[in-house]
C-alpha atoms as a PDB file:
ATOM      1  CA  UNK A   1      14.394  18.904   6.986  1.00  0.00           C
ATOM      2  CA  UNK A   2      14.860  19.245   3.239  1.00  0.00           C
ATOM      3  CA  UNK A   3      13.336  16.187   1.577  1.00  0.00           C
ATOM      4  CA  UNK A   4      14.655  15.070  -1.794  1.00  0.00           C
ATOM      5  CA  UNK A   5      12.845  12.874  -4.305  1.00  0.00           C
ATOM      6  CA  UNK A   6      15.415  10.651  -5.988  1.00  0.00           C
ATOM      7  CA  UNK A   7      14.451   8.341  -8.878  1.00  0.00           C
ATOM      8  CA  UNK A   8      15.511   4.692  -8.970  1.00  0.00           C
ATOM      9  CA  UNK A   9      14.794   1.577 -10.981  1.00  0.00           C
ATOM     10  CA  UNK A  10      14.835  -2.141 -10.275  1.00  0.00           C
ATOM     11  CA  UNK A  11      15.038  -4.869 -12.913  1.00  0.00           C
ATOM     12  CA  UNK A  12      12.804  -7.792 -11.987  1.00  0.00           C
ATOM     13  CA  UNK A  13      11.217 -10.633 -13.955  1.00  0.00           C
ATOM     14  CA  UNK A  14      11.879  -9.054 -17.330  1.00  0.00           C
ATOM     15  CA  UNK A  15      10.581  -5.599 -16.370  1.00  0.00           C
ATOM     16  CA  UNK A  16      12.278  -2.391 -15.305  1.00  0.00           C
ATOM     17  CA  UNK A  17      10.310  -1.000 -12.373  1.00  0.00           C
ATOM     18  CA  UNK A  18      10.638   2.764 -11.921  1.00  0.00           C
ATOM     19  CA  UNK A  19      10.131   4.562  -8.650  1.00  0.00           C
ATOM     20  CA  UNK A  20      11.260   7.298  -6.276  1.00  0.00           C
ATOM     21  CA  UNK A  21      12.875   7.557  -2.874  1.00  0.00           C
ATOM     22  CA  UNK A  22      11.967  10.357  -0.468  1.00  0.00           C
ATOM     23  CA  UNK A  23      14.991  11.018   1.741  1.00  0.00           C
ATOM     24  CA  UNK A  24      16.831  13.800   3.552  1.00  0.00           C
ATOM     25  CA  UNK A  25      20.215  12.287   2.660  1.00  0.00           C
ATOM     26  CA  UNK A  26      21.010  10.519  -0.604  1.00  0.00           C
ATOM     27  CA  UNK A  27      22.510   7.465   1.112  1.00  0.00           C
ATOM     28  CA  UNK A  28      19.519   6.801   3.386  1.00  0.00           C
ATOM     29  CA  UNK A  29      17.912   3.376   3.117  1.00  0.00           C
ATOM     30  CA  UNK A  30      14.121   3.666   3.022  1.00  0.00           C
ATOM     31  CA  UNK A  31      12.070   2.167   5.814  1.00  0.00           C
ATOM     32  CA  UNK A  32       8.686   2.917   4.245  1.00  0.00           C
ATOM     33  CA  UNK A  33       7.458   1.315   1.011  1.00  0.00           C
ATOM     34  CA  UNK A  34       4.293   2.537  -0.714  1.00  0.00           C
ATOM     35  CA  UNK A  35       2.166   0.295  -2.939  1.00  0.00           C
ATOM     36  CA  UNK A  36      -0.348   2.001  -5.194  1.00  0.00           C
ATOM     37  CA  UNK A  37      -3.676   0.642  -6.374  1.00  0.00           C
ATOM     38  CA  UNK A  38      -5.178  -0.169  -9.756  1.00  0.00           C
ATOM     39  CA  UNK A  39      -6.827   2.052 -12.348  1.00  0.00           C
ATOM     40  CA  UNK A  40      -4.623   4.976 -13.369  1.00  0.00           C
ATOM     41  CA  UNK A  41      -2.821   5.267 -10.029  1.00  0.00           C
ATOM     42  CA  UNK A  42       0.950   5.655  -9.705  1.00  0.00           C
ATOM     43  CA  UNK A  43       3.502   5.797  -6.907  1.00  0.00           C
ATOM     44  CA  UNK A  44       3.434   9.600  -6.959  1.00  0.00           C
ATOM     45  CA  UNK A  45      -0.067   9.565  -5.465  1.00  0.00           C
ATOM     46  CA  UNK A  46       1.330   8.911  -1.982  1.00  0.00           C
ATOM     47  CA  UNK A  47       3.938  11.686  -2.203  1.00  0.00           C
ATOM     48  CA  UNK A  48       1.956  13.892   0.225  1.00  0.00           C
ATOM     49  CA  UNK A  49       2.514  11.253   2.921  1.00  0.00           C
ATOM     50  CA  UNK A  50       5.940   9.896   1.972  1.00  0.00           C
ATOM     51  CA  UNK A  51       7.533  13.342   1.967  1.00  0.00           C
ATOM     52  CA  UNK A  52       6.042  14.134   5.376  1.00  0.00           C
ATOM     53  CA  UNK A  53       7.289  10.871   6.865  1.00  0.00           C
ATOM     54  CA  UNK A  54      10.762  11.395   5.392  1.00  0.00           C
ATOM     55  CA  UNK A  55      10.943  14.854   6.949  1.00  0.00           C
ATOM     56  CA  UNK A  56      10.405  13.230  10.358  1.00  0.00           C
ATOM     57  CA  UNK A  57      13.103  10.588   9.968  1.00  0.00           C
ATOM     58  CA  UNK A  58      11.194   7.910   8.067  1.00  0.00           C
ATOM     59  CA  UNK A  59      12.719   7.781   4.555  1.00  0.00           C
ATOM     60  CA  UNK A  60      10.456   6.073   2.064  1.00  0.00           C
ATOM     61  CA  UNK A  61      10.068   4.783  -1.452  1.00  0.00           C
ATOM     62  CA  UNK A  62       7.379   3.949  -3.951  1.00  0.00           C
ATOM     63  CA  UNK A  63       7.342   2.463  -7.435  1.00  0.00           C
ATOM     64  CA  UNK A  64       5.010   1.895 -10.366  1.00  0.00           C
ATOM     65  CA  UNK A  65       3.796  -1.644 -10.974  1.00  0.00           C
ATOM     66  CA  UNK A  66       3.955  -2.975 -14.527  1.00  0.00           C
ATOM     67  CA  UNK A  67       1.236  -1.295 -16.570  1.00  0.00           C
ATOM     68  CA  UNK A  68       1.371   1.961 -14.605  1.00  0.00           C
ATOM     69  CA  UNK A  69       3.148   5.298 -14.664  1.00  0.00           C
ATOM     70  CA  UNK A  70       6.858   5.464 -15.416  1.00  0.00           C
ATOM     71  CA  UNK A  71       7.233   1.685 -15.491  1.00  0.00           C
ATOM     72  CA  UNK A  72       4.695   1.345 -18.284  1.00  0.00           C
ATOM     73  CA  UNK A  73       4.251  -1.878 -20.212  1.00  0.00           C
ATOM     74  CA  UNK A  74       1.092  -3.886 -20.734  1.00  0.00           C
ATOM     75  CA  UNK A  75      -1.296  -4.294 -17.845  1.00  0.00           C
ATOM     76  CA  UNK A  76      -2.890  -7.290 -19.518  1.00  0.00           C
ATOM     77  CA  UNK A  77      -1.045 -10.468 -18.660  1.00  0.00           C
ATOM     78  CA  UNK A  78       0.067  -9.153 -15.294  1.00  0.00           C
ATOM     79  CA  UNK A  79      -1.693 -10.263 -12.111  1.00  0.00           C
ATOM     80  CA  UNK A  80      -1.798  -9.935  -8.344  1.00  0.00           C
ATOM     81  CA  UNK A  81       0.795 -12.713  -8.108  1.00  0.00           C
ATOM     82  CA  UNK A  82       3.093 -10.685 -10.360  1.00  0.00           C
ATOM     83  CA  UNK A  83       2.543  -7.545  -8.265  1.00  0.00           C
ATOM     84  CA  UNK A  84       3.398  -9.357  -5.054  1.00  0.00           C
ATOM     85  CA  UNK A  85       6.651 -10.516  -6.684  1.00  0.00           C
ATOM     86  CA  UNK A  86       7.412  -7.025  -8.036  1.00  0.00           C
ATOM     87  CA  UNK A  87       6.951  -5.433  -4.611  1.00  0.00           C
ATOM     88  CA  UNK A  88       9.149  -8.027  -2.963  1.00  0.00           C
ATOM     89  CA  UNK A  89      11.864  -7.509  -5.600  1.00  0.00           C
ATOM     90  CA  UNK A  90      11.873  -3.746  -4.990  1.00  0.00           C
ATOM     91  CA  UNK A  91      11.988  -4.201  -1.201  1.00  0.00           C
ATOM     92  CA  UNK A  92      14.977  -6.518  -1.526  1.00  0.00           C
ATOM     93  CA  UNK A  93      16.805  -4.342  -4.061  1.00  0.00           C
ATOM     94  CA  UNK A  94      16.497  -1.021  -2.216  1.00  0.00           C
ATOM     95  CA  UNK A  95      16.938  -2.636   0.386  1.00  0.00           C
ATOM     96  CA  UNK A  96      14.033  -1.784   2.682  1.00  0.00           C
ATOM     97  CA  UNK A  97      15.491  -1.275   6.158  1.00  0.00           C
ATOM     98  CA  UNK A  98      13.972  -2.269   9.490  1.00  0.00           C
ATOM     99  CA  UNK A  99      11.711  -1.365  11.148  1.00  0.00           C
ATOM    100  CA  UNK A 100       9.628  -1.591   7.994  1.00  0.00           C
ATOM    101  CA  UNK A 101       6.388   0.223   7.243  1.00  0.00           C
ATOM    102  CA  UNK A 102       4.101  -0.551   4.308  1.00  0.00           C
ATOM    103  CA  UNK A 103       1.787   2.146   2.956  1.00  0.00           C
ATOM    104  CA  UNK A 104      -0.826   0.809   0.557  1.00  0.00           C
ATOM    105  CA  UNK A 105      -4.038   1.864  -1.122  1.00  0.00           C
ATOM    106  CA  UNK A 106      -6.895  -0.136  -2.634  1.00  0.00           C
ATOM    107  CA  UNK A 107      -5.433  -3.164  -4.481  1.00  0.00           C
ATOM    108  CA  UNK A 108      -2.108  -2.372  -2.824  1.00  0.00           C
ATOM    109  CA  UNK A 109      -3.676  -3.226   0.534  1.00  0.00           C
ATOM    110  CA  UNK A 110      -4.146  -6.851  -0.510  1.00  0.00           C
ATOM    111  CA  UNK A 111      -0.553  -6.962  -1.752  1.00  0.00           C
ATOM    112  CA  UNK A 112       0.761  -5.449   1.488  1.00  0.00           C
ATOM    113  CA  UNK A 113      -0.960  -8.144   3.518  1.00  0.00           C
ATOM    114  CA  UNK A 114       0.448 -10.847   1.257  1.00  0.00           C
ATOM    115  CA  UNK A 115       3.932  -9.467   2.000  1.00  0.00           C
ATOM    116  CA  UNK A 116       3.591  -9.663   5.789  1.00  0.00           C
ATOM    117  CA  UNK A 117       5.331 -13.024   6.060  1.00  0.00           C
ATOM    118  CA  UNK A 118       8.195 -12.105   3.709  1.00  0.00           C
ATOM    119  CA  UNK A 119       8.889  -8.525   4.796  1.00  0.00           C
ATOM    120  CA  UNK A 120       7.824  -8.569   8.452  1.00  0.00           C
ATOM    121  CA  UNK A 121       6.579  -4.956   8.546  1.00  0.00           C
ATOM    122  CA  UNK A 122       6.086  -3.405  11.972  1.00  0.00           C
ATOM    123  CA  UNK A 123       3.312  -1.124  10.725  1.00  0.00           C
ATOM    124  CA  UNK A 124       0.712  -1.084   7.955  1.00  0.00           C
ATOM    125  CA  UNK A 125      -0.853   2.193   6.817  1.00  0.00           C
ATOM    126  CA  UNK A 126      -3.732   1.104   4.582  1.00  0.00           C
ATOM    127  CA  UNK A 127      -5.949   3.442   2.588  1.00  0.00           C
ATOM    128  CA  UNK A 128      -9.312   2.001   1.470  1.00  0.00           C
ATOM    129  CA  UNK A 129      -7.709  -1.467   1.184  1.00  0.00           C
ATOM    130  CA  UNK A 130      -9.195  -4.098  -1.105  1.00  0.00           C
ATOM    131  CA  UNK A 131      -9.197  -7.870  -0.659  1.00  0.00           C
ATOM    132  CA  UNK A 132      -9.528 -10.647  -3.223  1.00  0.00           C
ATOM    133  CA  UNK A 133     -10.251 -14.340  -3.116  1.00  0.00           C
ATOM    134  CA  UNK A 134      -7.407 -16.785  -3.789  1.00  0.00           C
ATOM    135  CA  UNK A 135      -8.642 -17.586  -7.297  1.00  0.00           C
ATOM    136  CA  UNK A 136      -8.255 -13.949  -8.345  1.00  0.00           C
ATOM    137  CA  UNK A 137      -4.559 -13.767  -7.513  1.00  0.00           C
ATOM    138  CA  UNK A 138      -3.388 -15.700 -10.564  1.00  0.00           C
ATOM    139  CA  UNK A 139      -6.009 -14.357 -12.975  1.00  0.00           C
ATOM    140  CA  UNK A 140      -4.495 -11.962 -15.528  1.00  0.00           C
ATOM    141  CA  UNK A 141      -5.836  -8.432 -15.285  1.00  0.00           C
ATOM    142  CA  UNK A 142      -8.613  -7.948 -17.777  1.00  0.00           C
ATOM    143  CA  UNK A 143     -11.945  -9.706 -18.364  1.00  0.00           C
ATOM    144  CA  UNK A 144     -11.053 -12.910 -16.473  1.00  0.00           C
ATOM    145  CA  UNK A 145      -9.950 -10.978 -13.403  1.00  0.00           C
ATOM    146  CA  UNK A 146     -13.021  -8.758 -13.501  1.00  0.00           C
ATOM    147  CA  UNK A 147     -15.351 -11.745 -13.772  1.00  0.00           C
ATOM    148  CA  UNK A 148     -13.719 -13.381 -10.768  1.00  0.00           C
ATOM    149  CA  UNK A 149     -13.877 -10.374  -8.473  1.00  0.00           C
ATOM    150  CA  UNK A 150     -17.444  -9.482  -9.492  1.00  0.00           C
ATOM    151  CA  UNK A 151     -18.534 -13.006  -8.621  1.00  0.00           C
ATOM    152  CA  UNK A 152     -16.974 -12.841  -5.157  1.00  0.00           C
ATOM    153  CA  UNK A 153     -19.565 -12.741  -2.386  1.00  0.00           C
ATOM    154  CA  UNK A 154     -17.522 -14.078   0.551  1.00  0.00           C
ATOM    155  CA  UNK A 155     -14.339 -12.152   1.262  1.00  0.00           C
ATOM    156  CA  UNK A 156     -13.519 -13.871   4.553  1.00  0.00           C
ATOM    157  CA  UNK A 157     -11.453 -16.541   2.776  1.00  0.00           C
ATOM    158  CA  UNK A 158      -9.177 -13.946   1.163  1.00  0.00           C
ATOM    159  CA  UNK A 159      -5.464 -14.750   1.538  1.00  0.00           C
ATOM    160  CA  UNK A 160      -5.024 -11.121   2.587  1.00  0.00           C
ATOM    161  CA  UNK A 161      -7.018 -11.739   5.759  1.00  0.00           C
ATOM    162  CA  UNK A 162      -5.291 -15.048   6.473  1.00  0.00           C
ATOM    163  CA  UNK A 163      -1.988 -13.149   6.401  1.00  0.00           C
ATOM    164  CA  UNK A 164      -3.364 -10.235   8.421  1.00  0.00           C
ATOM    165  CA  UNK A 165      -4.316 -12.587  11.252  1.00  0.00           C
ATOM    166  CA  UNK A 166      -0.586 -13.232  11.782  1.00  0.00           C
ATOM    167  CA  UNK A 167       0.345  -9.536  11.842  1.00  0.00           C
ATOM    168  CA  UNK A 168       1.487  -8.413  15.292  1.00  0.00           C
ATOM    169  CA  UNK A 169       2.493  -4.853  14.429  1.00  0.00           C
ATOM    170  CA  UNK A 170       0.489  -1.624  14.269  1.00  0.00           C
ATOM    171  CA  UNK A 171      -2.321  -1.020  11.788  1.00  0.00           C
ATOM    172  CA  UNK A 172      -3.841   2.267  10.626  1.00  0.00           C
ATOM    173  CA  UNK A 173      -6.910   2.045   8.381  1.00  0.00           C
ATOM    174  CA  UNK A 174      -7.913   5.201   6.504  1.00  0.00           C
ATOM    175  CA  UNK A 175     -11.377   4.930   4.965  1.00  0.00           C
ATOM    176  CA  UNK A 176     -13.664   7.213   2.984  1.00  0.00           C
ATOM    177  CA  UNK A 177     -17.237   7.562   4.193  1.00  0.00           C
ATOM    178  CA  UNK A 178     -18.446   7.699   0.586  1.00  0.00           C
ATOM    179  CA  UNK A 179     -16.275   4.903  -0.851  1.00  0.00           C
ATOM    180  CA  UNK A 180     -18.417   3.137  -3.447  1.00  0.00           C
ATOM    181  CA  UNK A 181     -15.677   0.706  -4.530  1.00  0.00           C
ATOM    182  CA  UNK A 182     -14.707  -1.259  -1.423  1.00  0.00           C
ATOM    183  CA  UNK A 183     -17.595  -3.276   0.071  1.00  0.00           C
ATOM    184  CA  UNK A 184     -18.269  -2.423   3.734  1.00  0.00           C
ATOM    185  CA  UNK A 185     -17.754  -6.100   4.562  1.00  0.00           C
ATOM    186  CA  UNK A 186     -14.136  -5.846   3.379  1.00  0.00           C
ATOM    187  CA  UNK A 187     -13.385  -2.788   5.521  1.00  0.00           C
ATOM    188  CA  UNK A 188     -15.022  -4.482   8.500  1.00  0.00           C
ATOM    189  CA  UNK A 189     -12.954  -7.629   7.934  1.00  0.00           C
ATOM    190  CA  UNK A 190      -9.725  -5.616   7.987  1.00  0.00           C
ATOM    191  CA  UNK A 191     -10.633  -4.395  11.473  1.00  0.00           C
ATOM    192  CA  UNK A 192     -11.859  -7.778  12.691  1.00  0.00           C
ATOM    193  CA  UNK A 193      -9.103 -10.001  11.313  1.00  0.00           C
ATOM    194  CA  UNK A 194      -6.220  -7.901  12.660  1.00  0.00           C
ATOM    195  CA  UNK A 195      -6.798  -9.618  15.986  1.00  0.00           C
ATOM    196  CA  UNK A 196      -3.107 -10.177  16.747  1.00  0.00           C
ATOM    197  CA  UNK A 197      -2.081  -6.589  15.973  1.00  0.00           C
ATOM    198  CA  UNK A 198      -0.428  -4.561  18.700  1.00  0.00           C
ATOM    199  CA  UNK A 199      -2.682  -1.637  17.846  1.00  0.00           C
ATOM    200  CA  UNK A 200      -5.469  -0.935  15.353  1.00  0.00           C
ATOM    201  CA  UNK A 201      -6.597   2.605  14.589  1.00  0.00           C
ATOM    202  CA  UNK A 202      -9.233   3.742  12.114  1.00  0.00           C
ATOM    203  CA  UNK A 203      -9.755   7.124  10.479  1.00  0.00           C
ATOM    204  CA  UNK A 204     -12.967   7.686   8.526  1.00  0.00           C
ATOM    205  CA  UNK A 205     -12.729  10.721   6.267  1.00  0.00           C
ATOM    206  CA  UNK A 206     -16.192  12.225   6.001  1.00  0.00           C
ATOM    207  CA  UNK A 207     -17.195  13.047   2.446  1.00  0.00           C
ATOM    208  CA  UNK A 208     -14.257  11.189   0.880  1.00  0.00           C
ATOM    209  CA  UNK A 209     -14.712   8.560  -1.797  1.00  0.00           C
ATOM    210  CA  UNK A 210     -12.319   5.850  -2.915  1.00  0.00           C
ATOM    211  CA  UNK A 211      -9.467   7.991  -4.279  1.00  0.00           C
ATOM    212  CA  UNK A 212      -8.160   8.997  -0.876  1.00  0.00           C
ATOM    213  CA  UNK A 213      -4.657  10.115  -1.897  1.00  0.00           C
ATOM    214  CA  UNK A 214      -6.113  12.580  -4.395  1.00  0.00           C
ATOM    215  CA  UNK A 215      -8.745  13.733  -1.892  1.00  0.00           C
ATOM    216  CA  UNK A 216      -6.141  14.315   0.819  1.00  0.00           C
ATOM    217  CA  UNK A 217      -3.663  15.988  -1.532  1.00  0.00           C
ATOM    218  CA  UNK A 218      -6.357  18.581  -2.258  1.00  0.00           C
ATOM    219  CA  UNK A 219      -7.138  19.157   1.439  1.00  0.00           C
ATOM    220  CA  UNK A 220      -3.965  20.123   3.347  1.00  0.00           C
ATOM    221  CA  UNK A 221      -5.725  20.331   6.720  1.00  0.00           C
ATOM    222  CA  UNK A 222      -7.085  16.788   6.464  1.00  0.00           C
ATOM    223  CA  UNK A 223      -3.752  15.560   5.072  1.00  0.00           C
ATOM    224  CA  UNK A 224      -1.920  17.043   8.058  1.00  0.00           C
ATOM    225  CA  UNK A 225      -4.300  15.229  10.412  1.00  0.00           C
ATOM    226  CA  UNK A 226      -3.635  11.879   8.731  1.00  0.00           C
ATOM    227  CA  UNK A 227       0.126  12.549   8.632  1.00  0.00           C
ATOM    228  CA  UNK A 228       0.097  13.251  12.372  1.00  0.00           C
ATOM    229  CA  UNK A 229      -1.828  10.041  13.115  1.00  0.00           C
ATOM    230  CA  UNK A 230       0.535   8.028  10.923  1.00  0.00           C
ATOM    231  CA  UNK A 231       3.610   9.468  12.635  1.00  0.00           C
ATOM    232  CA  UNK A 232       2.125   8.819  16.073  1.00  0.00           C
ATOM    233  CA  UNK A 233       1.409   5.226  15.109  1.00  0.00           C
ATOM    234  CA  UNK A 234       4.955   4.471  13.950  1.00  0.00           C
ATOM    235  CA  UNK A 235       6.686   6.441  16.709  1.00  0.00           C
ATOM    236  CA  UNK A 236       8.937   4.191  18.760  1.00  0.00           C
ATOM    237  CA  UNK A 237       8.821   1.211  16.434  1.00  0.00           C
ATOM    238  CA  UNK A 238      11.742  -1.116  16.904  1.00  0.00           C
END
């Protein structure tokens, strides 16, 4: 099917959030929402996956958090709490249709888990997901946030994992064998704490680091393998 990328924007909490929908028909409501990570990432990073899902009947959307990409604005002063609210505002405005699937990478993985109760996704597709302690969620991005996360030694109390324990859908974890950003204990906790999930699958990409979307976008064969696993996971969701 011919997949179109259609821009959209959502006004929320004093910011205009810019994003894209990947659809085969302009009036399709997305069922997949992608949440990017920190650094210089944007919603376009997941295009290799969102377009493939849309072509198979799973229209999707992604947007740039404040401080990133087309949304722009100052990163300083924003926080994880703000990002959770921004993602929820976009999901409600689109609106995100059921059955819902959340795609998330790095910091976006924590946010996706924190949205489980509100959005009730039936599947989570998480790429090198991060997790943060409760105290970090309200810290503004910048020195205070960095100090908090660098001081974290016990990730088990993360609100992301508390939420994940209540998730009864399907989980796909995509990890890089050479990821030097996410502590192994965090990746292990994502597997362990998803104890109520209907299904948990793990893909470890040999030779890949933390920037998995970029790595996969440059390797069509590996990208096709992940796309196939993702489609198999969400097949038959209701």
